[in-house]
Amino acid sequence: YTGPTEDAAPYFHKLGYVQPDSMDNADYLLAVASSDREKLYQEPIDPHSTQSLAASFSTSEERRSITENQQKEWDRDWTKCAAEGGCSENIENFQKQYQNSFWVSVGLNLKRAFVLWTRDRIFIR
């Protein structure tokens, strides 16, 4: 699968893979990509092989949409900025947009650790 992350789990749901309540999207997608995918498959036929997943995606609406979006003109063409020798302020602003402070990072990591700890306690029972 290649495409928007928010569409990944629904894409595999359409292929017949069921996401357990105890799994978040990241773990679900890792399981679908691993040899454990057969445990998530709910259809009466055999689960998809890696080759059949690739073939399914190559003919899917998702792939067509992604290809169409790749053909559109970019909002920012960084190659033109580099060729012109400018745009350094734009690059710095772009990078700052995704930076977190130390305390925000600590809070996000603690929250993630708590979610995993809680989920794993439920799953182990």
N, C-alpha and C. Protein backbone atom coordinates (compact mmCIF):
# COMPACT_ATOMS: atom_id res chain seq x y z
N TYR A 1 0.84 -1.18 0.00
CA TYR A 1 0.00 0.00 0.00
C TYR A 1 0.87 1.23 0.00
N THR A 2 0.49 2.18 -0.81
CA THR A 2 1.12 3.48 -0.83
C THR A 2 0.01 4.51 -0.89
N GLY A 3 0.00 5.41 0.05
CA GLY A 3 -1.04 6.42 0.03
C GLY A 3 -1.18 7.09 1.37
N PRO A 4 -2.24 7.87 1.53
CA PRO A 4 -2.46 8.58 2.80
C PRO A 4 -2.58 7.60 3.96
N THR A 5 -1.93 7.91 5.06
CA THR A 5 -1.93 6.99 6.20
C THR A 5 -3.33 6.75 6.76
N GLU A 6 -4.18 7.77 6.70
CA GLU A 6 -5.53 7.60 7.25
C GLU A 6 -6.37 6.63 6.41
N ASP A 7 -5.95 6.35 5.19
CA ASP A 7 -6.69 5.43 4.32
C ASP A 7 -6.12 4.01 4.34
N ALA A 8 -5.00 3.77 5.01
CA ALA A 8 -4.34 2.47 4.97
C ALA A 8 -5.17 1.37 5.63
N ALA A 9 -5.61 1.60 6.87
CA ALA A 9 -6.38 0.57 7.57
C ALA A 9 -7.70 0.26 6.84
N PRO A 10 -8.47 1.26 6.40
CA PRO A 10 -9.69 0.95 5.65
C PRO A 10 -9.41 0.17 4.35
N TYR A 11 -8.28 0.43 3.72
CA TYR A 11 -7.92 -0.30 2.50
C TYR A 11 -7.80 -1.79 2.78
N PHE A 12 -7.10 -2.15 3.87
CA PHE A 12 -6.92 -3.56 4.19
C PHE A 12 -8.21 -4.18 4.75
N HIS A 13 -9.06 -3.37 5.37
CA HIS A 13 -10.38 -3.87 5.79
C HIS A 13 -11.16 -4.33 4.57
N LYS A 14 -11.09 -3.54 3.47
CA LYS A 14 -11.80 -3.90 2.24
C LYS A 14 -11.27 -5.19 1.64
N LEU A 15 -10.00 -5.51 1.90
CA LEU A 15 -9.40 -6.74 1.37
C LEU A 15 -9.74 -7.96 2.23
N GLY A 16 -10.44 -7.75 3.36
CA GLY A 16 -10.86 -8.88 4.19
C GLY A 16 -10.08 -9.06 5.47
N TYR A 17 -9.21 -8.13 5.82
CA TYR A 17 -8.44 -8.23 7.06
C TYR A 17 -9.19 -7.50 8.18
N VAL A 18 -9.33 -8.15 9.33
CA VAL A 18 -10.07 -7.58 10.44
C VAL A 18 -9.07 -7.08 11.49
N GLN A 19 -9.32 -5.88 11.99
CA GLN A 19 -8.46 -5.29 13.01
C GLN A 19 -9.02 -5.60 14.39
N PRO A 20 -8.28 -6.35 15.22
CA PRO A 20 -8.76 -6.64 16.58
C PRO A 20 -8.89 -5.35 17.40
N ASP A 21 -9.82 -5.35 18.34
CA ASP A 21 -10.03 -4.18 19.19
C ASP A 21 -8.78 -3.83 20.00
N SER A 22 -7.96 -4.83 20.29
CA SER A 22 -6.77 -4.59 21.11
C SER A 22 -5.60 -4.04 20.32
N MET A 23 -5.75 -3.81 19.01
CA MET A 23 -4.65 -3.33 18.16
C MET A 23 -4.93 -1.92 17.68
N ASP A 24 -3.89 -1.08 17.75
CA ASP A 24 -4.02 0.23 17.12
C ASP A 24 -3.66 0.08 15.64
N ASN A 25 -3.85 1.16 14.88
CA ASN A 25 -3.63 1.09 13.44
C ASN A 25 -2.20 0.70 13.08
N ALA A 26 -1.22 1.24 13.80
CA ALA A 26 0.18 0.94 13.47
C ALA A 26 0.48 -0.55 13.64
N ASP A 27 0.06 -1.13 14.74
CA ASP A 27 0.30 -2.56 14.96
C ASP A 27 -0.49 -3.41 13.96
N TYR A 28 -1.68 -2.97 13.64
CA TYR A 28 -2.51 -3.69 12.67
C TYR A 28 -1.81 -3.73 11.31
N LEU A 29 -1.31 -2.58 10.87
CA LEU A 29 -0.65 -2.53 9.56
C LEU A 29 0.64 -3.34 9.55
N LEU A 30 1.36 -3.34 10.66
CA LEU A 30 2.56 -4.18 10.75
C LEU A 30 2.20 -5.65 10.68
N ALA A 31 1.11 -6.04 11.32
CA ALA A 31 0.68 -7.44 11.30
C ALA A 31 0.23 -7.86 9.90
N VAL A 32 -0.46 -6.97 9.19
CA VAL A 32 -0.89 -7.29 7.83
C VAL A 32 0.32 -7.48 6.92
N ALA A 33 1.37 -6.71 7.16
CA ALA A 33 2.58 -6.80 6.33
C ALA A 33 3.48 -7.97 6.72
N SER A 34 3.19 -8.63 7.83
CA SER A 34 4.05 -9.72 8.30
C SER A 34 3.45 -11.08 7.95
N SER A 35 4.12 -12.11 8.35
CA SER A 35 3.61 -13.46 8.11
C SER A 35 2.40 -13.77 8.99
N ASP A 36 2.10 -12.91 9.95
CA ASP A 36 0.93 -13.10 10.81
C ASP A 36 -0.37 -12.66 10.15
N ARG A 37 -0.31 -12.18 8.89
CA ARG A 37 -1.50 -11.64 8.23
C ARG A 37 -2.64 -12.66 8.16
N GLU A 38 -2.29 -13.95 8.09
CA GLU A 38 -3.35 -14.97 7.97
C GLU A 38 -4.24 -15.02 9.21
N LYS A 39 -3.71 -14.58 10.37
CA LYS A 39 -4.51 -14.59 11.60
C LYS A 39 -5.57 -13.49 11.58
N LEU A 40 -5.37 -12.48 10.74
CA LEU A 40 -6.31 -11.36 10.66
C LEU A 40 -7.31 -11.52 9.53
N TYR A 41 -7.10 -12.48 8.66
CA TYR A 41 -7.93 -12.63 7.47
C TYR A 41 -9.21 -13.36 7.82
N GLN A 42 -10.36 -12.83 7.41
CA GLN A 42 -11.65 -13.39 7.81
C GLN A 42 -12.44 -13.98 6.65
N GLU A 43 -11.90 -13.97 5.45
CA GLU A 43 -12.62 -14.51 4.30
C GLU A 43 -12.45 -16.03 4.25
N PRO A 44 -13.36 -16.73 3.59
CA PRO A 44 -13.27 -18.20 3.54
C PRO A 44 -12.11 -18.71 2.67
N ILE A 45 -11.52 -17.85 1.83
CA ILE A 45 -10.40 -18.30 1.00
C ILE A 45 -9.08 -17.97 1.69
N ASP A 46 -7.98 -18.43 1.12
CA ASP A 46 -6.67 -18.18 1.72
C ASP A 46 -6.34 -16.70 1.71
N PRO A 47 -5.57 -16.25 2.70
CA PRO A 47 -5.17 -14.84 2.72
C PRO A 47 -4.26 -14.52 1.54
N HIS A 48 -4.16 -13.26 1.27
CA HIS A 48 -3.36 -12.78 0.15
C HIS A 48 -1.88 -13.05 0.37
N SER A 49 -1.19 -13.36 -0.70
CA SER A 49 0.27 -13.42 -0.66
C SER A 49 0.79 -12.00 -0.89
N THR A 50 2.06 -11.80 -0.70
CA THR A 50 2.65 -10.49 -0.95
C THR A 50 2.44 -10.09 -2.41
N GLN A 51 2.60 -11.04 -3.30
CA GLN A 51 2.42 -10.76 -4.73
C GLN A 51 0.97 -10.40 -5.05
N SER A 52 0.02 -11.10 -4.43
CA SER A 52 -1.38 -10.78 -4.74
C SER A 52 -1.80 -9.44 -4.12
N LEU A 53 -1.21 -9.08 -2.96
CA LEU A 53 -1.47 -7.75 -2.39
C LEU A 53 -0.97 -6.67 -3.34
N ALA A 54 0.23 -6.87 -3.89
CA ALA A 54 0.78 -5.90 -4.84
C ALA A 54 -0.09 -5.81 -6.09
N ALA A 55 -0.56 -6.95 -6.59
CA ALA A 55 -1.41 -6.95 -7.77
C ALA A 55 -2.75 -6.27 -7.48
N SER A 56 -3.32 -6.52 -6.30
CA SER A 56 -4.58 -5.87 -5.92
C SER A 56 -4.42 -4.36 -5.87
N PHE A 57 -3.31 -3.91 -5.30
CA PHE A 57 -3.09 -2.47 -5.19
C PHE A 57 -2.88 -1.84 -6.56
N SER A 58 -2.17 -2.54 -7.46
CA SER A 58 -1.88 -1.96 -8.76
C SER A 58 -3.14 -1.70 -9.59
N THR A 59 -4.23 -2.38 -9.29
CA THR A 59 -5.49 -2.17 -10.02
C THR A 59 -6.53 -1.43 -9.19
N SER A 60 -6.14 -0.94 -8.01
CA SER A 60 -7.11 -0.32 -7.10
C SER A 60 -7.38 1.14 -7.41
N GLU A 61 -8.50 1.61 -6.91
CA GLU A 61 -8.87 3.02 -7.00
C GLU A 61 -7.86 3.88 -6.23
N GLU A 62 -7.35 3.35 -5.12
CA GLU A 62 -6.37 4.09 -4.32
C GLU A 62 -5.13 4.41 -5.15
N ARG A 63 -4.63 3.42 -5.88
CA ARG A 63 -3.44 3.65 -6.71
C ARG A 63 -3.73 4.66 -7.81
N ARG A 64 -4.89 4.56 -8.44
CA ARG A 64 -5.24 5.52 -9.48
C ARG A 64 -5.27 6.93 -8.92
N SER A 65 -5.85 7.09 -7.72
CA SER A 65 -5.93 8.40 -7.09
C SER A 65 -4.54 8.95 -6.76
N ILE A 66 -3.68 8.09 -6.24
CA ILE A 66 -2.32 8.53 -5.90
C ILE A 66 -1.56 8.95 -7.15
N THR A 67 -1.66 8.15 -8.20
CA THR A 67 -0.98 8.48 -9.46
C THR A 67 -1.48 9.81 -10.01
N GLU A 68 -2.79 10.02 -9.93
CA GLU A 68 -3.37 11.27 -10.39
C GLU A 68 -2.83 12.45 -9.59
N ASN A 69 -2.75 12.30 -8.26
CA ASN A 69 -2.23 13.37 -7.40
C ASN A 69 -0.75 13.63 -7.66
N GLN A 70 0.00 12.60 -8.00
CA GLN A 70 1.42 12.80 -8.28
C GLN A 70 1.65 13.60 -9.55
N GLN A 71 0.69 13.58 -10.46
CA GLN A 71 0.82 14.29 -11.72
C GLN A 71 0.52 15.79 -11.58
N LYS A 72 -0.12 16.17 -10.48
CA LYS A 72 -0.46 17.58 -10.26
C LYS A 72 0.80 18.39 -9.96
N GLU A 73 0.70 19.69 -10.19
CA GLU A 73 1.83 20.56 -9.89
C GLU A 73 1.96 20.73 -8.37
N TRP A 74 3.17 20.78 -7.89
CA TRP A 74 3.44 20.88 -6.46
C TRP A 74 3.16 22.28 -5.94
N ASP A 75 2.78 22.35 -4.65
CA ASP A 75 2.61 23.66 -4.02
C ASP A 75 3.96 24.36 -3.90
N ARG A 76 4.98 23.59 -3.57
CA ARG A 76 6.35 24.11 -3.45
C ARG A 76 7.27 23.23 -4.26
N ASP A 77 8.04 23.82 -5.12
CA ASP A 77 9.01 23.07 -5.88
C ASP A 77 10.40 23.42 -5.33
N TRP A 78 10.88 22.57 -4.43
CA TRP A 78 12.15 22.82 -3.77
C TRP A 78 13.32 22.77 -4.75
N THR A 79 13.18 22.06 -5.85
CA THR A 79 14.28 21.99 -6.82
C THR A 79 14.51 23.35 -7.47
N LYS A 80 13.45 24.10 -7.73
CA LYS A 80 13.60 25.44 -8.30
C LYS A 80 14.27 26.37 -7.31
N CYS A 81 13.90 26.26 -6.02
CA CYS A 81 14.53 27.09 -4.99
C CYS A 81 16.02 26.81 -4.92
N ALA A 82 16.39 25.54 -4.95
CA ALA A 82 17.81 25.18 -4.86
C ALA A 82 18.57 25.68 -6.08
N ALA A 83 17.96 25.59 -7.26
CA ALA A 83 18.62 26.02 -8.49
C ALA A 83 18.81 27.54 -8.49
N GLU A 84 17.87 28.26 -7.90
CA GLU A 84 17.96 29.72 -7.85
C GLU A 84 18.81 30.21 -6.69
N GLY A 85 19.20 29.31 -5.80
CA GLY A 85 20.05 29.68 -4.68
C GLY A 85 19.33 30.41 -3.56
N GLY A 86 18.03 30.30 -3.50
CA GLY A 86 17.26 31.00 -2.47
C GLY A 86 16.40 30.06 -1.67
N CYS A 87 15.37 30.61 -1.08
CA CYS A 87 14.34 29.86 -0.35
C CYS A 87 14.82 29.29 0.98
N SER A 88 15.97 29.68 1.49
CA SER A 88 16.44 29.12 2.76
C SER A 88 15.48 29.46 3.89
N GLU A 89 14.89 30.66 3.87
CA GLU A 89 13.94 31.02 4.92
C GLU A 89 12.68 30.16 4.83
N ASN A 90 12.26 29.80 3.63
CA ASN A 90 11.10 28.93 3.48
C ASN A 90 11.38 27.54 4.02
N ILE A 91 12.59 27.03 3.78
CA ILE A 91 12.96 25.70 4.27
C ILE A 91 13.00 25.70 5.79
N GLU A 92 13.58 26.74 6.38
CA GLU A 92 13.65 26.83 7.85
C GLU A 92 12.25 26.90 8.45
N ASN A 93 11.36 27.69 7.86
CA ASN A 93 9.99 27.78 8.36
C ASN A 93 9.27 26.44 8.21
N PHE A 94 9.52 25.75 7.13
CA PHE A 94 8.91 24.44 6.89
C PHE A 94 9.37 23.45 7.95
N GLN A 95 10.67 23.46 8.27
CA GLN A 95 11.21 22.55 9.28
C GLN A 95 10.69 22.90 10.66
N LYS A 96 10.58 24.16 11.00
CA LYS A 96 10.08 24.57 12.31
C LYS A 96 8.62 24.17 12.52
N GLN A 97 7.88 24.07 11.44
CA GLN A 97 6.46 23.73 11.52
C GLN A 97 6.28 22.36 12.18
N TYR A 98 7.25 21.46 12.07
CA TYR A 98 7.10 20.10 12.58
C TYR A 98 7.97 19.82 13.81
N GLN A 99 8.53 20.84 14.41
CA GLN A 99 9.36 20.64 15.60
C GLN A 99 8.50 20.75 16.85
N ASN A 100 8.86 19.95 17.85
CA ASN A 100 8.22 20.01 19.16
C ASN A 100 9.26 20.44 20.18
N SER A 101 8.79 21.10 21.22
CA SER A 101 9.70 21.43 22.31
C SER A 101 10.04 20.16 23.08
N PHE A 102 11.02 20.25 23.94
CA PHE A 102 11.43 19.10 24.75
C PHE A 102 10.25 18.58 25.57
N TRP A 103 9.52 19.48 26.24
CA TRP A 103 8.44 19.06 27.13
C TRP A 103 7.25 18.48 26.36
N VAL A 104 6.98 19.02 25.19
CA VAL A 104 5.92 18.44 24.36
C VAL A 104 6.31 17.02 23.94
N SER A 105 7.57 16.83 23.57
CA SER A 105 8.05 15.50 23.19
C SER A 105 7.98 14.53 24.36
N VAL A 106 8.36 14.98 25.54
CA VAL A 106 8.28 14.12 26.73
C VAL A 106 6.82 13.73 26.98
N GLY A 107 5.91 14.69 26.90
CA GLY A 107 4.49 14.41 27.12
C GLY A 107 3.94 13.42 26.10
N LEU A 108 4.30 13.59 24.84
CA LEU A 108 3.83 12.67 23.80
C LEU A 108 4.37 11.26 24.03
N ASN A 109 5.63 11.15 24.41
CA ASN A 109 6.22 9.83 24.67
C ASN A 109 5.60 9.16 25.88
N LEU A 110 5.33 9.92 26.93
CA LEU A 110 4.68 9.35 28.12
C LEU A 110 3.26 8.89 27.79
N LYS A 111 2.55 9.69 27.03
CA LYS A 111 1.19 9.31 26.64
C LYS A 111 1.21 8.02 25.82
N ARG A 112 2.12 7.91 24.88
CA ARG A 112 2.23 6.70 24.06
C ARG A 112 2.61 5.49 24.91
N ALA A 113 3.53 5.66 25.84
CA ALA A 113 3.92 4.55 26.72
C ALA A 113 2.74 4.09 27.56
N PHE A 114 1.94 5.03 28.06
CA PHE A 114 0.78 4.68 28.87
C PHE A 114 -0.26 3.92 28.04
N VAL A 115 -0.49 4.37 26.81
CA VAL A 115 -1.44 3.68 25.93
C VAL A 115 -0.98 2.25 25.67
N LEU A 116 0.30 2.08 25.36
CA LEU A 116 0.83 0.73 25.11
C LEU A 116 0.75 -0.14 26.35
N TRP A 117 1.08 0.42 27.50
CA TRP A 117 1.05 -0.34 28.75
C TRP A 117 -0.38 -0.79 29.05
N THR A 118 -1.34 0.11 28.89
CA THR A 118 -2.75 -0.21 29.14
C THR A 118 -3.24 -1.26 28.15
N ARG A 119 -2.93 -1.08 26.89
CA ARG A 119 -3.38 -2.02 25.87
C ARG A 119 -2.76 -3.40 26.08
N ASP A 120 -1.47 -3.44 26.41
CA ASP A 120 -0.81 -4.72 26.60
C ASP A 120 -1.37 -5.46 27.83
N ARG A 121 -1.73 -4.73 28.89
CA ARG A 121 -2.32 -5.36 30.07
C ARG A 121 -3.65 -6.01 29.71
N ILE A 122 -4.44 -5.33 28.87
CA ILE A 122 -5.73 -5.86 28.44
C ILE A 122 -5.50 -7.08 27.55
N PHE A 123 -4.53 -7.00 26.65
CA PHE A 123 -4.27 -8.07 25.71
C PHE A 123 -3.73 -9.32 26.39
N ILE A 124 -2.91 -9.16 27.43
CA ILE A 124 -2.29 -10.30 28.12
C ILE A 124 -3.33 -11.14 28.86
N ARG A 125 -4.37 -10.50 29.37
CA ARG A 125 -5.40 -11.23 30.12
C ARG A 125 -6.08 -12.17 29.27
